[in-house]
Amino acid sequence: MKHFGALILFVCWLLVGCGQKTNESEVCDGRKIYFFYQTSCSHCHDAAKYIKNKYPLLEIEALDVQQKKNFNLLQKAAKKYQISERIGTPLICFGNEYIMGWSEKNKRLFDVFVQPFLAEKIEKQN
């Protein structure tokens, strides 16, 4: 239950930072980071907590795949990345790169893939 509350707070944090709704033509287009999740997924909770703690100002589009529209977007992302194995959550999309699942290796990948988005945010602030 504690993890569920943390995920809800994270999703609210993401939605406040993102502002716009996603449509199918722009999913995983490289303009922002997309975070596909399920509320029942412990790996999603771990990823959300890591991202929130390490990158509190990062803007991410959070998409609950239990909603039909978001599930359709997840399928579109799987097709874009040619994910032939069973698609899972979290799926985090960075334009041409993606991370599926959450592990120590994926934390390091996230830290690498997020850099262009952080640099862009710093540029916009200056």
C-alpha atoms as a PDB file:
ATOM      1  CA  MET A   1       0.000   0.000   0.000  1.00  0.00           C
ATOM      2  CA  LYS A   2       2.907   2.345   0.767  1.00  0.00           C
ATOM      3  CA  HIS A   3       4.253   1.811  -2.769  1.00  0.00           C
ATOM      4  CA  PHE A   4       0.839   2.542  -4.286  1.00  0.00           C
ATOM      5  CA  GLY A   5       0.704   5.893  -2.488  1.00  0.00           C
ATOM      6  CA  ALA A   6       4.216   6.732  -3.673  1.00  0.00           C
ATOM      7  CA  LEU A   7       3.281   5.898  -7.273  1.00  0.00           C
ATOM      8  CA  ILE A   8       0.157   8.061  -7.088  1.00  0.00           C
ATOM      9  CA  LEU A   9       2.245  10.987  -5.811  1.00  0.00           C
ATOM     10  CA  PHE A  10       4.809  10.400  -8.551  1.00  0.00           C
ATOM     11  CA  VAL A  11       2.152  10.325 -11.255  1.00  0.00           C
ATOM     12  CA  CYS A  12       0.646  13.569  -9.934  1.00  0.00           C
ATOM     13  CA  TRP A  13       4.125  15.102  -9.939  1.00  0.00           C
ATOM     14  CA  LEU A  14       4.654  13.998 -13.523  1.00  0.00           C
ATOM     15  CA  LEU A  15       1.285  15.238 -14.711  1.00  0.00           C
ATOM     16  CA  VAL A  16       1.780  18.651 -13.150  1.00  0.00           C
ATOM     17  CA  GLY A  17       5.136  18.939 -14.896  1.00  0.00           C
ATOM     18  CA  CYS A  18       3.929  17.736 -18.274  1.00  0.00           C
ATOM     19  CA  GLY A  19       0.805  19.749 -18.860  1.00  0.00           C
ATOM     20  CA  GLN A  20      -0.183  18.429 -22.298  1.00  0.00           C
ATOM     21  CA  LYS A  21      -2.016  15.320 -23.369  1.00  0.00           C
ATOM     22  CA  THR A  22      -0.233  12.835 -25.610  1.00  0.00           C
ATOM     23  CA  ASN A  23      -1.668  11.885 -28.957  1.00  0.00           C
ATOM     24  CA  GLU A  24      -0.668   8.914 -31.061  1.00  0.00           C
ATOM     25  CA  SER A  25       1.324  10.872 -33.619  1.00  0.00           C
ATOM     26  CA  GLU A  26       3.804  12.153 -31.048  1.00  0.00           C
ATOM     27  CA  VAL A  27       4.414   9.189 -28.746  1.00  0.00           C
ATOM     28  CA  CYS A  28       8.116   8.430 -28.296  1.00  0.00           C
ATOM     29  CA  ASP A  29       9.061  11.141 -30.789  1.00  0.00           C
ATOM     30  CA  GLY A  30      12.087  12.351 -28.820  1.00  0.00           C
ATOM     31  CA  ARG A  31      10.600  15.630 -27.657  1.00  0.00           C
ATOM     32  CA  LYS A  32       9.942  14.299 -24.163  1.00  0.00           C
ATOM     33  CA  ILE A  33      10.335  11.202 -22.039  1.00  0.00           C
ATOM     34  CA  TYR A  34       7.411   8.772 -21.844  1.00  0.00           C
ATOM     35  CA  PHE A  35       6.957   6.516 -18.810  1.00  0.00           C
ATOM     36  CA  PHE A  36       4.518   3.622 -19.367  1.00  0.00           C
ATOM     37  CA  TYR A  37       3.529   2.042 -16.059  1.00  0.00           C
ATOM     38  CA  GLN A  38       1.023  -0.118 -14.194  1.00  0.00           C
ATOM     39  CA  THR A  39      -0.062   0.692 -10.652  1.00  0.00           C
ATOM     40  CA  SER A  40       0.411  -2.966  -9.675  1.00  0.00           C
ATOM     41  CA  CYS A  41       4.001  -3.138 -10.994  1.00  0.00           C
ATOM     42  CA  SER A  42       6.685  -3.066  -8.282  1.00  0.00           C
ATOM     43  CA  HIS A  43       9.388  -2.272 -10.838  1.00  0.00           C
ATOM     44  CA  CYS A  44       7.366   0.763 -11.953  1.00  0.00           C
ATOM     45  CA  HIS A  45       7.251   1.961  -8.340  1.00  0.00           C
ATOM     46  CA  ASP A  46      11.018   1.512  -8.013  1.00  0.00           C
ATOM     47  CA  ALA A  47      11.688   3.376 -11.274  1.00  0.00           C
ATOM     48  CA  ALA A  48       9.333   6.192 -10.322  1.00  0.00           C
ATOM     49  CA  LYS A  49      10.965   6.598  -6.932  1.00  0.00           C
ATOM     50  CA  TYR A  50      14.470   6.618  -8.442  1.00  0.00           C
ATOM     51  CA  ILE A  51      13.546   9.201 -11.078  1.00  0.00           C
ATOM     52  CA  LYS A  52      11.702  11.456  -8.644  1.00  0.00           C
ATOM     53  CA  ASN A  53      14.565  11.393  -6.135  1.00  0.00           C
ATOM     54  CA  LYS A  54      17.416  11.836  -8.610  1.00  0.00           C
ATOM     55  CA  TYR A  55      15.729  14.158 -11.128  1.00  0.00           C
ATOM     56  CA  PRO A  56      13.014  16.099  -9.243  1.00  0.00           C
ATOM     57  CA  LEU A  57      12.599  18.754 -11.970  1.00  0.00           C
ATOM     58  CA  LEU A  58      12.552  16.360 -14.916  1.00  0.00           C
ATOM     59  CA  GLU A  59       9.367  16.484 -16.994  1.00  0.00           C
ATOM     60  CA  ILE A  60       8.013  13.084 -17.981  1.00  0.00           C
ATOM     61  CA  GLU A  61       4.759  12.007 -19.597  1.00  0.00           C
ATOM     62  CA  ALA A  62       3.328   9.255 -17.352  1.00  0.00           C
ATOM     63  CA  LEU A  63       0.966   6.822 -19.072  1.00  0.00           C
ATOM     64  CA  ASP A  64      -0.991   4.239 -17.092  1.00  0.00           C
ATOM     65  CA  VAL A  65      -1.312   1.284 -19.487  1.00  0.00           C
ATOM     66  CA  GLN A  66      -4.460   0.125 -17.724  1.00  0.00           C
ATOM     67  CA  GLN A  67      -6.229   2.921 -19.608  1.00  0.00           C
ATOM     68  CA  LYS A  68      -7.170   1.770 -23.109  1.00  0.00           C
ATOM     69  CA  LYS A  69      -5.758   4.847 -24.879  1.00  0.00           C
ATOM     70  CA  ASN A  70      -2.426   4.486 -23.082  1.00  0.00           C
ATOM     71  CA  PHE A  71      -2.320   0.743 -23.744  1.00  0.00           C
ATOM     72  CA  ASN A  72      -2.730   1.524 -27.455  1.00  0.00           C
ATOM     73  CA  LEU A  73       0.167   3.978 -27.195  1.00  0.00           C
ATOM     74  CA  LEU A  74       2.239   1.273 -25.472  1.00  0.00           C
ATOM     75  CA  GLN A  75       1.576  -1.046 -28.408  1.00  0.00           C
ATOM     76  CA  LYS A  76       2.574   1.709 -30.830  1.00  0.00           C
ATOM     77  CA  ALA A  77       5.821   2.225 -28.870  1.00  0.00           C
ATOM     78  CA  ALA A  78       6.522  -1.530 -28.979  1.00  0.00           C
ATOM     79  CA  LYS A  79       6.095  -1.455 -32.742  1.00  0.00           C
ATOM     80  CA  LYS A  80       8.383   1.593 -33.091  1.00  0.00           C
ATOM     81  CA  TYR A  81      11.154  -0.078 -31.067  1.00  0.00           C
ATOM     82  CA  GLN A  82      10.516  -3.462 -32.696  1.00  0.00           C
ATOM     83  CA  ILE A  83      10.033  -5.120 -29.316  1.00  0.00           C
ATOM     84  CA  SER A  84       9.170  -8.646 -30.337  1.00  0.00           C
ATOM     85  CA  GLU A  85       9.291 -10.258 -26.920  1.00  0.00           C
ATOM     86  CA  ARG A  86       6.552  -9.721 -24.395  1.00  0.00           C
ATOM     87  CA  ILE A  87       6.309  -6.018 -23.688  1.00  0.00           C
ATOM     88  CA  GLY A  88       6.503  -5.062 -20.035  1.00  0.00           C
ATOM     89  CA  THR A  89       6.477  -2.137 -17.693  1.00  0.00           C
ATOM     90  CA  PRO A  90       7.996   0.121 -16.921  1.00  0.00           C
ATOM     91  CA  LEU A  91       8.743   1.103 -20.484  1.00  0.00           C
ATOM     92  CA  ILE A  92      10.574   4.411 -20.627  1.00  0.00           C
ATOM     93  CA  CYS A  93      11.001   6.011 -24.061  1.00  0.00           C
ATOM     94  CA  PHE A  94      13.619   8.623 -24.963  1.00  0.00           C
ATOM     95  CA  GLY A  95      13.081   9.093 -28.709  1.00  0.00           C
ATOM     96  CA  ASN A  96      15.343   6.537 -30.378  1.00  0.00           C
ATOM     97  CA  GLU A  97      16.208   4.770 -27.110  1.00  0.00           C
ATOM     98  CA  TYR A  98      14.094   2.900 -24.598  1.00  0.00           C
ATOM     99  CA  ILE A  99      14.367   1.001 -21.338  1.00  0.00           C
ATOM    100  CA  MET A 100      12.028  -1.857 -20.512  1.00  0.00           C
ATOM    101  CA  GLY A 101      11.988  -3.134 -16.951  1.00  0.00           C
ATOM    102  CA  TRP A 102      13.995  -1.802 -14.034  1.00  0.00           C
ATOM    103  CA  SER A 103      17.338  -2.993 -12.680  1.00  0.00           C
ATOM    104  CA  GLU A 104      20.718  -1.569 -11.672  1.00  0.00           C
ATOM    105  CA  LYS A 105      21.765  -1.722 -15.333  1.00  0.00           C
ATOM    106  CA  ASN A 106      18.620   0.158 -16.373  1.00  0.00           C
ATOM    107  CA  LYS A 107      19.274   2.856 -13.758  1.00  0.00           C
ATOM    108  CA  ARG A 108      22.650   3.485 -15.399  1.00  0.00           C
ATOM    109  CA  LEU A 109      21.038   3.504 -18.855  1.00  0.00           C
ATOM    110  CA  PHE A 110      18.417   5.963 -17.639  1.00  0.00           C
ATOM    111  CA  ASP A 111      21.178   8.257 -16.366  1.00  0.00           C
ATOM    112  CA  VAL A 112      22.769   8.199 -19.836  1.00  0.00           C
ATOM    113  CA  PHE A 113      19.588   8.488 -21.922  1.00  0.00           C
ATOM    114  CA  VAL A 114      18.232  11.378 -19.834  1.00  0.00           C
ATOM    115  CA  GLN A 115      21.239  13.646 -20.432  1.00  0.00           C
ATOM    116  CA  PRO A 116      20.004  15.311 -23.660  1.00  0.00           C
ATOM    117  CA  PHE A 117      16.683  16.094 -21.952  1.00  0.00           C
ATOM    118  CA  LEU A 118      18.469  17.637 -18.966  1.00  0.00           C
ATOM    119  CA  ALA A 119      20.723  19.692 -21.240  1.00  0.00           C
ATOM    120  CA  GLU A 120      17.674  20.941 -23.153  1.00  0.00           C
ATOM    121  CA  LYS A 121      15.971  21.940 -19.894  1.00  0.00           C
ATOM    122  CA  ILE A 122      19.051  23.917 -18.820  1.00  0.00           C
ATOM    123  CA  GLU A 123      19.157  25.647 -22.228  1.00  0.00           C
ATOM    124  CA  LYS A 124      15.505  26.678 -21.937  1.00  0.00           C
ATOM    125  CA  GLN A 125      16.138  28.172 -18.489  1.00  0.00           C
ATOM    126  CA  ASN A 126      19.004  30.379 -19.761  1.00  0.00           C
END
